[in-house]
Amino acid sequence: MRKTELTDAALCKAVKEMAGGLIDADLGGGVMKKRVGLAGRGKRGGARTLVATNKGNRWFFVFGFEKNDRANITDEELEGLQAIAVDLLARTGKQLDEAVTDGTLQEICS
């Protein structure tokens, strides 16, 4: 996704909404789609984020795009994101901490 006004606070708000059941689409394989509003555009004209989740305590933003840049992802992209979801959701807390420490993952909501 090109540089946008998508902030950590907006992503954290999206996680809270999803945890409360406000998920735009379940794409299967642990991947969910969530619209996130951008400044001055709201959710309809904002970004689409794809999240790997167990719908519990694990939420990973794995891909994002602006609606005006593309309509959706391809089947091949979805397969790749589902493989990433499987990997991320299988990691232990220690492995996730190590990935944050080495910069592989970035934690935004703690």
Protein backbone atom coordinates (compact mmCIF):
# COMPACT_ATOMS: atom_id res chain seq x y z
CA MET A 1 0.00 0.00 0.00
CA ARG A 2 1.35 3.39 -0.85
CA LYS A 3 1.92 5.83 1.96
CA THR A 4 -1.44 6.84 3.41
CA GLU A 5 -2.87 8.42 6.49
CA LEU A 6 -3.49 4.99 8.00
CA THR A 7 -2.31 5.29 11.59
CA ASP A 8 -1.52 2.83 14.35
CA ALA A 9 -4.50 4.26 16.25
CA ALA A 10 -6.82 3.48 13.31
CA LEU A 11 -5.46 -0.06 13.12
CA CYS A 12 -5.93 -0.56 16.86
CA LYS A 13 -9.49 0.73 16.57
CA ALA A 14 -10.10 -1.75 13.75
CA VAL A 15 -8.88 -4.61 15.97
CA LYS A 16 -11.28 -3.55 18.73
CA GLU A 17 -14.14 -3.49 16.22
CA MET A 18 -13.23 -6.92 14.85
CA ALA A 19 -12.87 -8.38 18.34
CA GLY A 20 -16.41 -7.12 18.91
CA GLY A 21 -17.65 -8.95 15.83
CA LEU A 22 -17.51 -6.14 13.26
CA ILE A 23 -15.66 -8.01 10.51
CA ASP A 24 -16.38 -7.04 6.91
CA ALA A 25 -15.54 -10.43 5.38
CA ASP A 26 -14.14 -13.77 6.48
CA LEU A 27 -11.90 -14.82 3.58
CA GLY A 28 -11.09 -18.21 5.11
CA GLY A 29 -7.89 -19.69 6.43
CA GLY A 30 -7.69 -17.20 9.30
CA VAL A 31 -7.79 -14.14 7.01
CA MET A 32 -10.36 -11.38 7.59
CA LYS A 33 -11.07 -8.22 5.63
CA LYS A 34 -11.75 -4.94 7.44
CA ARG A 35 -12.42 -1.48 6.06
CA VAL A 36 -10.52 1.28 7.84
CA GLY A 37 -11.35 4.94 7.43
CA LEU A 38 -8.78 7.44 6.26
CA ALA A 39 -8.79 11.12 7.19
CA GLY A 40 -11.49 12.96 5.29
CA ARG A 41 -12.66 9.87 3.41
CA GLY A 42 -14.25 7.60 5.98
CA LYS A 43 -14.44 3.83 5.59
CA ARG A 44 -16.15 3.76 2.17
CA GLY A 45 -13.28 5.57 0.48
CA GLY A 46 -10.58 4.39 2.81
CA ALA A 47 -8.28 1.43 3.09
CA ARG A 48 -8.99 -2.28 3.07
CA THR A 49 -6.89 -4.25 5.50
CA LEU A 50 -6.41 -7.99 5.58
CA VAL A 51 -5.81 -9.46 8.99
CA ALA A 52 -4.59 -12.88 10.10
CA THR A 53 -6.46 -13.78 13.27
CA ASN A 54 -7.64 -16.50 15.57
CA LYS A 55 -10.52 -14.12 16.51
CA GLY A 56 -9.22 -14.16 20.05
CA ASN A 57 -5.93 -12.71 21.19
CA ARG A 58 -4.01 -12.76 17.90
CA TRP A 59 -4.47 -10.04 15.25
CA PHE A 60 -1.86 -9.48 12.52
CA PHE A 61 -2.23 -6.92 9.74
CA VAL A 62 -0.76 -8.69 6.73
CA PHE A 63 -1.86 -6.61 3.73
CA GLY A 64 -3.61 -3.38 2.90
CA PHE A 65 -4.78 -1.43 -0.09
CA GLU A 66 -6.81 1.63 -0.88
CA LYS A 67 -10.17 1.00 -2.47
CA ASN A 68 -9.43 3.47 -5.27
CA ASP A 69 -6.20 1.59 -6.12
CA ARG A 70 -7.72 -1.88 -6.56
CA ALA A 71 -11.01 -3.66 -6.05
CA ASN A 72 -9.74 -6.76 -4.29
CA ILE A 73 -6.93 -9.30 -4.08
CA THR A 74 -6.34 -12.20 -6.44
CA ASP A 75 -6.92 -15.84 -5.56
CA GLU A 76 -3.15 -16.38 -5.58
CA GLU A 77 -2.61 -13.47 -3.18
CA LEU A 78 -5.27 -14.87 -0.86
CA GLU A 79 -3.57 -18.27 -0.84
CA GLY A 80 -0.28 -16.62 0.07
CA LEU A 81 -1.90 -14.59 2.85
CA GLN A 82 -3.59 -17.70 4.21
CA ALA A 83 -0.19 -19.42 4.36
CA ILE A 84 1.20 -16.41 6.24
CA ALA A 85 -1.78 -16.57 8.62
CA VAL A 86 -1.09 -20.24 9.39
CA ASP A 87 2.55 -19.41 10.16
CA LEU A 88 1.80 -16.40 12.36
CA LEU A 89 -1.01 -18.05 14.28
CA ALA A 90 1.14 -21.11 15.03
CA ARG A 91 3.90 -19.08 16.68
CA THR A 92 4.36 -19.11 20.42
CA GLY A 93 4.39 -15.96 22.50
CA LYS A 94 8.17 -16.27 22.81
CA GLN A 95 8.58 -16.57 19.04
CA LEU A 96 6.40 -13.48 18.52
CA ASP A 97 8.42 -11.51 21.08
CA GLU A 98 11.63 -12.51 19.28
CA ALA A 99 10.17 -11.43 15.92
CA VAL A 100 9.28 -8.03 17.37
CA THR A 101 12.76 -7.71 18.87
CA ASP A 102 14.52 -8.58 15.59
CA GLY A 103 12.22 -6.34 13.55
CA THR A 104 10.46 -9.12 11.61
CA LEU A 105 7.15 -8.03 13.14
CA GLN A 106 6.05 -4.65 14.43
CA GLU A 107 3.72 -4.44 17.38
CA ILE A 108 1.21 -1.60 17.20
CA CYS A 109 -1.37 -2.44 19.89
CA SER A 110 0.13 -3.55 23.16
